[in-house]
C-alpha atoms as a PDB file:
ATOM      1  CA  MET A   1       2.085  -3.037 -16.486  1.00  0.00           C
ATOM      2  CA  SER A   2       2.115  -1.246 -13.152  1.00  0.00           C
ATOM      3  CA  LEU A   3       0.733   2.150 -12.317  1.00  0.00           C
ATOM      4  CA  THR A   4       3.648   4.295 -11.158  1.00  0.00           C
ATOM      5  CA  LYS A   5       3.877   7.470  -9.116  1.00  0.00           C
ATOM      6  CA  ALA A   6       4.709   9.342 -12.337  1.00  0.00           C
ATOM      7  CA  ASP A   7       1.501   7.963 -13.907  1.00  0.00           C
ATOM      8  CA  LEU A   8      -0.514   9.251 -10.941  1.00  0.00           C
ATOM      9  CA  ILE A   9       1.108  12.677 -11.246  1.00  0.00           C
ATOM     10  CA  ASP A  10       0.313  12.777 -14.975  1.00  0.00           C
ATOM     11  CA  SER A  11      -3.311  11.763 -14.309  1.00  0.00           C
ATOM     12  CA  ILE A  12      -3.785  14.568 -11.789  1.00  0.00           C
ATOM     13  CA  TYR A  13      -2.098  16.996 -14.167  1.00  0.00           C
ATOM     14  CA  ASN A  14      -4.412  15.982 -17.054  1.00  0.00           C
ATOM     15  CA  GLN A  15      -7.679  15.509 -15.152  1.00  0.00           C
ATOM     16  CA  VAL A  16      -7.567  18.217 -12.480  1.00  0.00           C
ATOM     17  CA  GLY A  17      -5.464  20.806 -14.264  1.00  0.00           C
ATOM     18  CA  LEU A  18      -2.873  21.351 -11.546  1.00  0.00           C
ATOM     19  CA  SER A  19       0.689  21.994 -12.648  1.00  0.00           C
ATOM     20  CA  LYS A  20       3.057  19.019 -12.714  1.00  0.00           C
ATOM     21  CA  GLY A  21       4.837  20.404  -9.642  1.00  0.00           C
ATOM     22  CA  LYS A  22       1.603  20.799  -7.665  1.00  0.00           C
ATOM     23  CA  SER A  23       0.412  17.378  -8.831  1.00  0.00           C
ATOM     24  CA  ALA A  24       3.655  15.845  -7.565  1.00  0.00           C
ATOM     25  CA  GLN A  25       3.201  17.658  -4.234  1.00  0.00           C
ATOM     26  CA  VAL A  26      -0.320  16.277  -3.866  1.00  0.00           C
ATOM     27  CA  ILE A  27       0.806  12.694  -4.502  1.00  0.00           C
ATOM     28  CA  GLU A  28       3.854  13.009  -2.226  1.00  0.00           C
ATOM     29  CA  SER A  29       1.734  14.513   0.565  1.00  0.00           C
ATOM     30  CA  LEU A  30      -0.891  11.788   0.263  1.00  0.00           C
ATOM     31  CA  LEU A  31       1.715   9.033   0.372  1.00  0.00           C
ATOM     32  CA  GLU A  32       3.461  10.640   3.369  1.00  0.00           C
ATOM     33  CA  ILE A  33       0.176  10.836   5.283  1.00  0.00           C
ATOM     34  CA  ILE A  34      -0.534   7.168   4.536  1.00  0.00           C
ATOM     35  CA  LYS A  35       3.013   6.091   5.499  1.00  0.00           C
ATOM     36  CA  LYS A  36       2.968   8.085   8.753  1.00  0.00           C
ATOM     37  CA  THR A  37      -0.418   6.668   9.720  1.00  0.00           C
ATOM     38  CA  LEU A  38       0.726   3.099   9.059  1.00  0.00           C
ATOM     39  CA  GLU A  39       4.012   3.687  10.948  1.00  0.00           C
ATOM     40  CA  ASP A  40       1.924   4.767  13.946  1.00  0.00           C
ATOM     41  CA  GLY A  41       0.143   1.408  13.798  1.00  0.00           C
ATOM     42  CA  GLU A  42      -3.187   2.791  12.593  1.00  0.00           C
ATOM     43  CA  ASP A  43      -5.193   1.420   9.687  1.00  0.00           C
ATOM     44  CA  VAL A  44      -5.981   3.512   6.602  1.00  0.00           C
ATOM     45  CA  LEU A  45      -9.524   3.201   5.233  1.00  0.00           C
ATOM     46  CA  ILE A  46     -10.332   4.724   1.847  1.00  0.00           C
ATOM     47  CA  SER A  47     -14.067   4.345   1.230  1.00  0.00           C
ATOM     48  CA  GLY A  48     -14.891   2.637  -2.027  1.00  0.00           C
ATOM     49  CA  PHE A  49     -11.278   1.495  -2.446  1.00  0.00           C
ATOM     50  CA  GLY A  50     -10.109  -0.559   0.514  1.00  0.00           C
ATOM     51  CA  LYS A  51      -8.315  -0.735   3.833  1.00  0.00           C
ATOM     52  CA  PHE A  52      -4.604  -0.937   4.595  1.00  0.00           C
ATOM     53  CA  CYS A  53      -4.121  -2.796   7.891  1.00  0.00           C
ATOM     54  CA  VAL A  54      -1.017  -3.070  10.066  1.00  0.00           C
ATOM     55  CA  LYS A  55      -0.539  -6.562  11.495  1.00  0.00           C
ATOM     56  CA  ASP A  56       2.031  -7.842  13.982  1.00  0.00           C
ATOM     57  CA  LYS A  57       3.632 -11.148  13.090  1.00  0.00           C
ATOM     58  CA  GLY A  58       5.239 -13.184  15.844  1.00  0.00           C
ATOM     59  CA  ARG A  59       8.587 -14.873  15.893  1.00  0.00           C
ATOM     60  CA  ARG A  60       8.800 -17.917  13.678  1.00  0.00           C
ATOM     61  CA  ARG A  61      11.097 -20.726  12.769  1.00  0.00           C
ATOM     62  CA  GLY A  62      13.011 -20.339   9.525  1.00  0.00           C
ATOM     63  CA  ARG A  63      15.885 -21.863   7.628  1.00  0.00           C
ATOM     64  CA  ASN A  64      18.965 -20.475   5.924  1.00  0.00           C
ATOM     65  CA  PRO A  65      18.591 -21.771   2.339  1.00  0.00           C
ATOM     66  CA  GLN A  66      22.349 -21.783   1.709  1.00  0.00           C
ATOM     67  CA  THR A  67      23.388 -23.769   4.771  1.00  0.00           C
ATOM     68  CA  GLY A  68      20.124 -25.457   5.723  1.00  0.00           C
ATOM     69  CA  GLU A  69      20.649 -24.203   9.296  1.00  0.00           C
ATOM     70  CA  ASP A  70      17.486 -23.692  11.380  1.00  0.00           C
ATOM     71  CA  LEU A  71      17.041 -20.277  12.955  1.00  0.00           C
ATOM     72  CA  ILE A  72      14.415 -18.127  14.653  1.00  0.00           C
ATOM     73  CA  LEU A  73      13.180 -15.090  12.727  1.00  0.00           C
ATOM     74  CA  ASP A  74      12.189 -12.036  14.756  1.00  0.00           C
ATOM     75  CA  GLY A  75       8.646 -10.733  14.839  1.00  0.00           C
ATOM     76  CA  ARG A  76       7.769  -7.918  12.489  1.00  0.00           C
ATOM     77  CA  ARG A  77       4.965  -5.652  11.353  1.00  0.00           C
ATOM     78  CA  VAL A  78       3.433  -6.030   7.913  1.00  0.00           C
ATOM     79  CA  VAL A  79       0.828  -4.125   5.930  1.00  0.00           C
ATOM     80  CA  THR A  80      -2.055  -5.991   4.333  1.00  0.00           C
ATOM     81  CA  PHE A  81      -4.698  -4.670   1.962  1.00  0.00           C
ATOM     82  CA  ARG A  82      -8.362  -5.652   1.755  1.00  0.00           C
ATOM     83  CA  CYS A  83     -10.274  -4.177  -1.143  1.00  0.00           C
ATOM     84  CA  SER A  84     -13.770  -2.815  -0.626  1.00  0.00           C
ATOM     85  CA  GLY A  85     -16.820  -4.710  -1.795  1.00  0.00           C
ATOM     86  CA  ARG A  86     -17.481  -2.074  -4.450  1.00  0.00           C
ATOM     87  CA  LEU A  87     -13.972  -2.406  -5.879  1.00  0.00           C
ATOM     88  CA  ARG A  88     -14.200  -6.206  -5.779  1.00  0.00           C
ATOM     89  CA  ASP A  89     -17.503  -6.044  -7.680  1.00  0.00           C
ATOM     90  CA  LYS A  90     -15.994  -3.757 -10.332  1.00  0.00           C
ATOM     91  CA  LEU A  91     -12.998  -6.053 -10.736  1.00  0.00           C
ATOM     92  CA  ASN A  92     -15.243  -9.079 -11.224  1.00  0.00           C
ATOM     93  CA  GLN A  93     -17.688  -7.362 -13.637  1.00  0.00           C
ATOM     94  CA  ARG A  94     -15.217  -7.658 -16.499  1.00  0.00           C
ATOM     95  CA  ARG A  95     -15.079 -11.469 -16.366  1.00  0.00           C
END
């Protein structure tokens, strides 16, 4: 099961005591800040959680699966995530 935006809003509502509307505003604002930062090509580091990194991928050779035709795919930017050592340790404690 995945953690959804609605789950995050409910958690803030229950744990912090903000109204559902304010909780939704907090989550939306946080996500907008993260998106804007990544769009600008900057990394986002959240201590104790991890780092979102923007990487540039170059052009590469690909293939159309329907026709088998070779083609060149344009370069693009992708976001990768590296979890912090603390988070990794917590994840592996339960094994």
